[in-house]
Amino acid sequence: MLEQLDTIESEAIRELNAAADADAVEAWRVAYLGSKGRLKALMPGMKDVPKDQKAAVGKRLNEVKAALETAYESKKSSTGGGGAKASGPVIDMTEPGLIHSEGVGRRHIISRVRDELVEVFARMGFTVAHGPELEDDEHNFIKLNIPPGHPAREAIDNFYVDDPDKGAPRMLRSQTSTVQIRTMEDAAAKGWGPPMKIISPGRVYRPDTVDATHSFMFHQIEGLHIDRDVSMADLKTTLFQFARAYFGADADIRLRPSFFPFTEPSAEFDMKIALKPGEDPKWIELGGCGMVDPAVLGACGIDPEQWSGFAFGFGIERLAMGKYSIPDIRLLFENDVRFLEQL
């Protein structure tokens, strides 16, 4: 084996010195250093080398390999490369790169609209509050003045995690009003109480049939203002200021009398929106609002004789559709790059 290695080394060096161009150097590399070259062909013979000679043979094999690789690199440099010269234009690597806009990522429209809404309400003094998406019966229903047996509790309208007929079930929250309850509870427990102005953006879940304006998972942003002598006029002013700040001074909005268990009086907040370019605007419900029911304040440890407040809740998808003329809520969740790149 040692004699074979000496022979391969001397023949290889002689042939490499005789190589006249880059093609010949590359052919030499394949013949001696390639995966099927002469050095690789010796490897299986190592098993037949006597045990007391294996160390010496292995060392010599590595020496020959290193010598041939060094000689190859030197010869390759002097002949201008180890293979055929590339055809086509030569790339000047010193030229500055080109910046392409294609494929550059951006935030999803829902995330952007949520942050826009938070920024508008922040200018009116609201701070952001968060709460869990997995809720209990007490916060999702009882303290919102929705008693046992109320139609809103039906399993067909909620995603229950536990059996609603056995004990106090848990559920994926159906509204971000649960954050308002937790915030008022926390304030009463810590003794700092009202006044408070919060908004709570987040995901909510309802088993709705998916269509152009409904989804089983969507986003809400709810607001709560508790202070002394808060009135319906304060609520109307807040909503109208928000609409005109976000949609423009010509936003056409209205309040319609309605009913919610947790507010009294209650109203629906509508806006005229054209969901398609060139289409006549039509009234679209953006959310509900009203004065916080005294029973809700009392359930959270806040004296309704001393404090009053208003609450409102909007669907963020509805607001995004109105602001950016999006005709179908499903477009927001289909991850079609052609649609997302337009916004």
Protein backbone atom coordinates (compact mmCIF):
# COMPACT_ATOMS: atom_id res chain seq x y z
CA MET A 1 0.00 0.00 0.00
CA LEU A 2 2.85 2.39 0.84
CA GLU A 3 4.50 1.70 -2.52
CA GLN A 4 1.22 2.33 -4.31
CA LEU A 5 0.84 5.67 -2.59
CA ASP A 6 4.39 6.70 -3.56
CA THR A 7 3.71 5.71 -7.17
CA ILE A 8 0.38 7.60 -7.31
CA GLU A 9 1.99 10.73 -5.84
CA SER A 10 4.89 10.82 -8.31
CA GLU A 11 2.68 10.07 -11.34
CA ALA A 12 0.08 12.60 -10.27
CA ILE A 13 2.62 15.41 -9.83
CA ARG A 14 4.19 14.61 -13.21
CA GLU A 15 0.85 14.63 -15.01
CA LEU A 16 -0.30 17.80 -13.24
CA ASN A 17 2.86 19.64 -14.29
CA ALA A 18 2.19 18.60 -17.87
CA ALA A 19 -1.42 19.93 -17.83
CA ALA A 20 -1.48 22.88 -20.24
CA ASP A 21 -4.89 24.45 -19.61
CA ALA A 22 -7.83 24.64 -17.19
CA ASP A 23 -9.66 21.74 -18.83
CA ALA A 24 -6.67 19.47 -18.40
CA VAL A 25 -6.29 20.49 -14.76
CA GLU A 26 -9.96 19.67 -14.12
CA ALA A 27 -9.60 16.28 -15.82
CA TRP A 28 -6.58 15.60 -13.57
CA ARG A 29 -8.60 16.49 -10.46
CA VAL A 30 -11.33 14.04 -11.41
CA ALA A 31 -8.78 11.29 -12.12
CA TYR A 32 -6.90 11.58 -8.83
CA LEU A 33 -9.04 13.47 -6.30
CA GLY A 34 -12.58 12.80 -7.54
CA SER A 35 -15.10 10.49 -5.91
CA LYS A 36 -14.01 7.73 -8.29
CA GLY A 37 -10.35 8.80 -8.51
CA ARG A 38 -7.25 6.76 -7.83
CA LEU A 39 -6.95 7.83 -4.19
CA LYS A 40 -10.53 6.84 -3.41
CA ALA A 41 -9.95 3.50 -5.13
CA LEU A 42 -7.28 2.66 -2.53
CA MET A 43 -9.62 3.04 0.42
CA PRO A 44 -11.16 -0.47 0.31
CA GLY A 45 -7.64 -1.92 0.51
CA MET A 46 -7.15 -0.50 3.99
CA LYS A 47 -8.98 -3.48 5.47
CA ASP A 48 -6.22 -5.79 4.21
CA VAL A 49 -3.37 -3.79 5.72
CA PRO A 50 -1.83 -5.54 8.77
CA LYS A 51 -2.95 -3.99 12.05
CA ASP A 52 0.57 -2.89 13.01
CA GLN A 53 0.90 -0.95 9.71
CA LYS A 54 -2.53 0.72 9.57
CA ALA A 55 -1.37 3.87 11.37
CA ALA A 56 1.57 4.41 9.05
CA VAL A 57 -0.48 3.71 5.92
CA GLY A 58 -3.30 6.02 7.06
CA LYS A 59 -0.83 8.83 7.80
CA ARG A 60 0.82 8.41 4.40
CA LEU A 61 -2.56 8.42 2.66
CA ASN A 62 -3.45 11.75 4.27
CA GLU A 63 -0.03 13.18 3.34
CA VAL A 64 -0.46 12.23 -0.31
CA LYS A 65 -3.98 13.59 -0.42
CA ALA A 66 -2.88 16.91 1.12
CA ALA A 67 0.09 17.18 -1.28
CA LEU A 68 -2.09 16.59 -4.33
CA GLU A 69 -4.75 19.07 -3.18
CA THR A 70 -2.08 21.74 -2.59
CA ALA A 71 -0.54 21.09 -6.00
CA TYR A 72 -3.97 21.21 -7.64
CA GLU A 73 -4.90 24.58 -6.07
CA SER A 74 -1.58 26.07 -7.18
CA LYS A 75 -1.94 24.76 -10.74
CA LYS A 76 -5.59 25.86 -10.95
CA SER A 77 -4.62 29.43 -10.06
CA SER A 78 -1.90 29.53 -12.70
CA THR A 79 -4.18 28.20 -15.45
CA GLY A 80 -7.20 30.42 -14.65
CA GLY A 81 -9.61 27.92 -13.05
CA GLY A 82 -10.34 24.28 -12.58
CA GLY A 83 -12.91 23.78 -15.34
CA ALA A 84 -14.38 25.10 -18.53
CA LYS A 85 -14.78 28.85 -18.62
CA ALA A 86 -18.33 30.03 -18.13
CA SER A 87 -20.09 31.32 -21.19
CA GLY A 88 -22.22 34.46 -21.24
CA PRO A 89 -21.68 37.92 -19.79
CA VAL A 90 -19.22 38.45 -16.96
CA ILE A 91 -20.80 39.78 -13.77
CA ASP A 92 -19.02 42.73 -12.21
CA MET A 93 -19.22 41.90 -8.50
CA THR A 94 -18.16 45.45 -7.58
CA GLU A 95 -21.35 46.97 -9.02
CA PRO A 96 -23.96 48.06 -6.41
CA GLY A 97 -26.95 45.72 -6.09
CA LEU A 98 -30.41 46.48 -7.38
CA ILE A 99 -33.26 46.88 -4.90
CA HIS A 100 -36.47 45.17 -6.00
CA SER A 101 -39.83 45.80 -4.37
CA GLU A 102 -41.29 42.46 -5.47
CA GLY A 103 -41.82 40.05 -2.62
CA VAL A 104 -41.20 42.57 0.17
CA GLY A 105 -43.36 41.62 3.14
CA ARG A 106 -45.80 43.86 4.96
CA ARG A 107 -48.10 43.67 7.97
CA HIS A 108 -51.48 42.05 7.43
CA ILE A 109 -54.33 44.49 6.91
CA ILE A 110 -56.08 43.37 10.12
CA SER A 111 -52.96 44.08 12.19
CA ARG A 112 -52.55 47.47 10.53
CA VAL A 113 -56.19 48.47 11.05
CA ARG A 114 -56.09 47.35 14.68
CA ASP A 115 -53.06 49.56 15.32
CA GLU A 116 -54.69 52.46 13.47
CA LEU A 117 -57.77 52.17 15.67
CA VAL A 118 -55.71 51.99 18.85
CA GLU A 119 -53.85 55.12 17.76
CA VAL A 120 -57.07 57.06 17.10
CA PHE A 121 -58.57 56.14 20.48
CA ALA A 122 -55.27 56.79 22.25
CA ARG A 123 -55.55 60.40 21.10
CA MET A 124 -58.88 60.52 22.96
CA GLY A 125 -57.31 59.25 26.18
CA PHE A 126 -58.06 55.52 25.95
CA THR A 127 -55.49 52.94 27.06
CA VAL A 128 -55.28 49.33 25.86
CA ALA A 129 -56.42 46.41 28.06
CA HIS A 130 -56.16 42.69 27.31
CA GLY A 131 -57.86 39.55 28.57
CA PRO A 132 -57.91 35.78 27.96
CA GLU A 133 -59.56 34.26 24.89
CA LEU A 134 -60.61 31.17 26.88
CA GLU A 135 -63.27 32.51 29.21
CA ASP A 136 -65.64 31.30 31.91
CA ASP A 137 -69.40 31.64 32.18
CA GLU A 138 -69.19 34.32 34.83
CA HIS A 139 -67.23 36.81 32.71
CA ASN A 140 -68.74 36.00 29.33
CA PHE A 141 -72.37 35.97 30.51
CA ILE A 142 -73.32 36.39 34.18
CA LYS A 143 -71.57 39.69 34.92
CA LEU A 144 -72.69 41.02 31.55
CA ASN A 145 -76.28 40.68 32.74
CA ILE A 146 -76.97 37.59 30.61
CA PRO A 147 -78.77 35.18 32.96
CA PRO A 148 -79.07 31.38 32.71
CA GLY A 149 -81.57 30.37 30.03
CA HIS A 150 -80.88 33.43 27.89
CA PRO A 151 -80.87 32.62 24.12
CA ALA A 152 -77.37 34.09 23.79
CA ARG A 153 -76.06 31.13 25.81
CA GLU A 154 -77.20 28.47 23.33
CA ALA A 155 -74.50 26.05 22.19
CA ILE A 156 -75.40 26.84 18.60
CA ASP A 157 -74.14 30.40 19.18
CA ASN A 158 -70.97 29.67 21.18
CA PHE A 159 -67.83 27.56 21.11
CA TYR A 160 -67.99 25.74 24.45
CA VAL A 161 -64.93 23.87 25.71
CA ASP A 162 -66.93 22.14 28.47
CA ASP A 163 -70.51 20.90 28.44
CA PRO A 164 -72.70 24.01 29.06
CA ASP A 165 -75.27 21.85 30.88
CA LYS A 166 -72.78 20.65 33.49
CA GLY A 167 -71.55 23.16 36.05
CA ALA A 168 -69.85 26.40 34.97
CA PRO A 169 -68.63 25.84 31.41
CA ARG A 170 -65.67 27.43 29.72
CA MET A 171 -65.76 28.79 26.21
CA LEU A 172 -63.91 30.74 23.57
CA ARG A 173 -65.04 34.28 24.30
CA SER A 174 -67.85 35.51 22.08
CA GLN A 175 -67.08 39.18 22.71
CA THR A 176 -64.28 41.34 24.07
CA SER A 177 -66.73 42.77 26.62
CA THR A 178 -65.19 40.19 28.95
CA VAL A 179 -62.10 42.42 29.14
CA GLN A 180 -64.26 45.30 30.37
CA ILE A 181 -65.61 43.10 33.17
CA ARG A 182 -62.13 41.97 34.21
CA THR A 183 -60.80 45.54 34.13
CA MET A 184 -63.63 46.83 36.36
CA GLU A 185 -63.21 43.88 38.74
CA ASP A 186 -59.48 44.51 38.99
CA ALA A 187 -60.02 48.21 39.62
CA ALA A 188 -62.53 47.56 42.38
CA ALA A 189 -60.33 44.89 43.99
CA LYS A 190 -57.27 47.15 44.06
CA GLY A 191 -59.22 50.09 45.38
CA TRP A 192 -58.25 52.58 42.68
CA GLY A 193 -61.58 52.32 40.84
CA PRO A 194 -62.91 54.75 38.23
CA PRO A 195 -62.43 56.94 36.30
CA MET A 196 -61.20 54.65 33.52
CA LYS A 197 -61.01 54.78 29.73
CA ILE A 198 -59.91 51.56 28.03
CA ILE A 199 -60.13 49.83 24.68
CA SER A 200 -59.69 46.09 24.24
CA PRO A 201 -58.82 44.79 20.76
CA GLY A 202 -58.73 41.03 20.23
CA ARG A 203 -60.08 37.86 18.64
CA VAL A 204 -63.57 36.55 19.35
CA TYR A 205 -65.35 33.37 18.26
CA ARG A 206 -68.90 32.57 17.21
CA PRO A 207 -70.10 29.61 15.12
CA ASP A 208 -71.53 31.81 12.36
CA THR A 209 -71.99 30.55 8.82
CA VAL A 210 -69.15 32.00 6.76
CA ASP A 211 -70.29 34.40 4.06
CA ALA A 212 -69.28 37.80 2.68
CA THR A 213 -69.83 39.57 6.02
CA HIS A 214 -69.54 36.82 8.69
CA SER A 215 -66.85 34.48 9.99
CA PHE A 216 -66.54 32.04 12.90
CA MET A 217 -63.43 33.93 14.11
CA PHE A 218 -63.11 37.67 13.83
CA HIS A 219 -61.67 40.66 15.66
CA GLN A 220 -63.36 43.23 17.85
CA ILE A 221 -62.30 46.41 19.53
CA GLU A 222 -64.38 47.46 22.53
CA GLY A 223 -64.26 50.66 24.54
CA LEU A 224 -65.28 51.48 28.10
CA HIS A 225 -65.42 54.87 29.83
CA ILE A 226 -66.42 55.06 33.49
CA ASP A 227 -66.54 58.37 35.36
CA ARG A 228 -68.94 60.62 37.20
CA ASP A 229 -71.87 61.99 35.18
CA VAL A 230 -70.97 60.22 31.92
CA SER A 231 -73.93 60.52 29.55
CA MET A 232 -75.23 59.33 26.19
CA ALA A 233 -74.02 62.65 24.77
CA ASP A 234 -70.45 61.68 25.72
CA LEU A 235 -70.87 58.35 23.94
CA LYS A 236 -72.25 59.97 20.78
CA THR A 237 -69.48 62.57 20.76
CA THR A 238 -66.78 59.90 21.17
CA LEU A 239 -68.15 57.74 18.34
CA PHE A 240 -68.67 60.63 15.94
CA GLN A 241 -65.18 61.98 16.64
CA PHE A 242 -63.72 58.54 16.06
CA ALA A 243 -65.59 58.01 12.77
CA ARG A 244 -64.57 61.36 11.36
CA ALA A 245 -60.97 60.97 12.50
CA TYR A 246 -60.67 57.52 10.95
CA PHE A 247 -62.90 57.71 7.87
CA GLY A 248 -62.76 61.44 7.13
CA ALA A 249 -64.78 64.53 7.93
CA ASP A 250 -67.55 63.53 5.49
CA ALA A 251 -68.25 60.16 7.20
CA ASP A 252 -72.03 59.56 7.16
CA ILE A 253 -72.94 57.88 10.47
CA ARG A 254 -75.98 57.27 12.64
CA LEU A 255 -77.13 55.67 15.89
CA ARG A 256 -80.21 53.39 15.91
CA PRO A 257 -82.05 52.37 19.09
CA SER A 258 -81.36 48.72 19.95
CA PHE A 259 -81.13 46.34 22.91
CA PHE A 260 -78.20 44.63 24.65
CA PRO A 261 -78.40 42.98 28.08
CA PHE A 262 -75.34 44.85 29.37
CA THR A 263 -76.21 48.42 28.25
CA GLU A 264 -79.29 50.59 28.79
CA PRO A 265 -80.10 52.53 26.70
CA SER A 266 -78.47 50.75 23.76
CA ALA A 267 -77.87 51.61 20.12
CA GLU A 268 -76.43 50.24 16.87
CA PHE A 269 -73.70 52.30 15.23
CA ASP A 270 -74.09 52.40 11.43
CA MET A 271 -72.13 54.04 8.64
CA LYS A 272 -72.74 54.51 4.93
CA ILE A 273 -70.06 52.54 3.11
CA ALA A 274 -69.40 51.70 -0.53
CA LEU A 275 -67.79 48.25 -0.45
CA LYS A 276 -67.00 48.33 -4.17
CA PRO A 277 -65.53 51.21 -6.21
CA GLY A 278 -68.32 53.05 -8.03
CA GLU A 279 -71.02 51.42 -5.90
CA ASP A 280 -73.60 53.57 -4.08
CA PRO A 281 -72.90 53.63 -0.32
CA LYS A 282 -75.30 51.71 1.89
CA TRP A 283 -75.79 51.55 5.64
CA ILE A 284 -73.51 48.97 7.26
CA GLU A 285 -73.68 48.05 10.95
CA LEU A 286 -70.26 48.59 12.52
CA GLY A 287 -71.13 47.61 16.09
CA GLY A 288 -73.18 48.22 19.20
CA CYS A 289 -72.96 50.73 22.03
CA GLY A 290 -74.83 52.12 25.00
CA MET A 291 -74.70 53.21 28.62
CA VAL A 292 -73.32 50.51 30.93
CA ASP A 293 -76.22 48.88 32.78
CA PRO A 294 -76.11 49.67 36.53
CA ALA A 295 -76.41 45.92 37.22
CA VAL A 296 -73.13 45.34 35.36
CA LEU A 297 -71.36 48.04 37.37
CA GLY A 298 -72.68 46.58 40.61
CA ALA A 299 -71.61 43.03 39.65
CA CYS A 300 -68.06 44.31 39.22
CA GLY A 301 -67.93 46.11 42.55
CA ILE A 302 -68.50 49.65 41.25
CA ASP A 303 -71.23 51.75 42.87
CA PRO A 304 -73.73 52.72 40.12
CA GLU A 305 -75.00 55.55 42.33
CA GLN A 306 -71.59 57.20 42.15
CA TRP A 307 -70.37 56.22 38.71
CA SER A 308 -71.77 55.86 35.21
CA GLY A 309 -70.25 54.96 31.89
CA PHE A 310 -70.63 53.97 28.29
CA ALA A 311 -69.35 51.03 26.27
CA PHE A 312 -69.06 50.28 22.56
CA GLY A 313 -67.80 47.46 20.40
CA PHE A 314 -66.87 47.32 16.71
CA GLY A 315 -65.89 44.53 14.37
CA ILE A 316 -62.37 45.31 13.14
CA GLU A 317 -63.01 43.43 9.90
CA ARG A 318 -66.08 45.62 9.26
CA LEU A 319 -64.01 48.75 9.81
CA ALA A 320 -61.25 47.47 7.50
CA MET A 321 -63.82 46.62 4.82
CA GLY A 322 -65.33 50.08 5.11
CA LYS A 323 -62.05 51.97 5.02
CA TYR A 324 -60.43 50.00 2.20
CA SER A 325 -63.57 49.04 0.18
CA ILE A 326 -63.16 45.29 0.72
CA PRO A 327 -66.33 43.52 -0.51
CA ASP A 328 -65.87 40.13 1.18
CA ILE A 329 -64.55 39.30 4.66
CA ARG A 330 -63.19 35.99 3.38
CA LEU A 331 -60.53 37.85 1.40
CA LEU A 332 -58.92 38.82 4.70
CA PHE A 333 -58.20 35.20 5.64
CA GLU A 334 -57.54 33.42 2.33
CA ASN A 335 -53.88 34.54 2.18
CA ASP A 336 -54.13 35.35 -1.52
CA VAL A 337 -50.95 37.33 -2.20
CA ARG A 338 -52.59 39.12 -5.14
CA PHE A 339 -55.17 40.60 -2.75
CA LEU A 340 -52.79 41.32 0.13
CA GLU A 341 -50.37 43.21 -2.13
CA GLN A 342 -53.12 45.68 -3.08
CA LEU A 343 -53.50 47.00 0.47
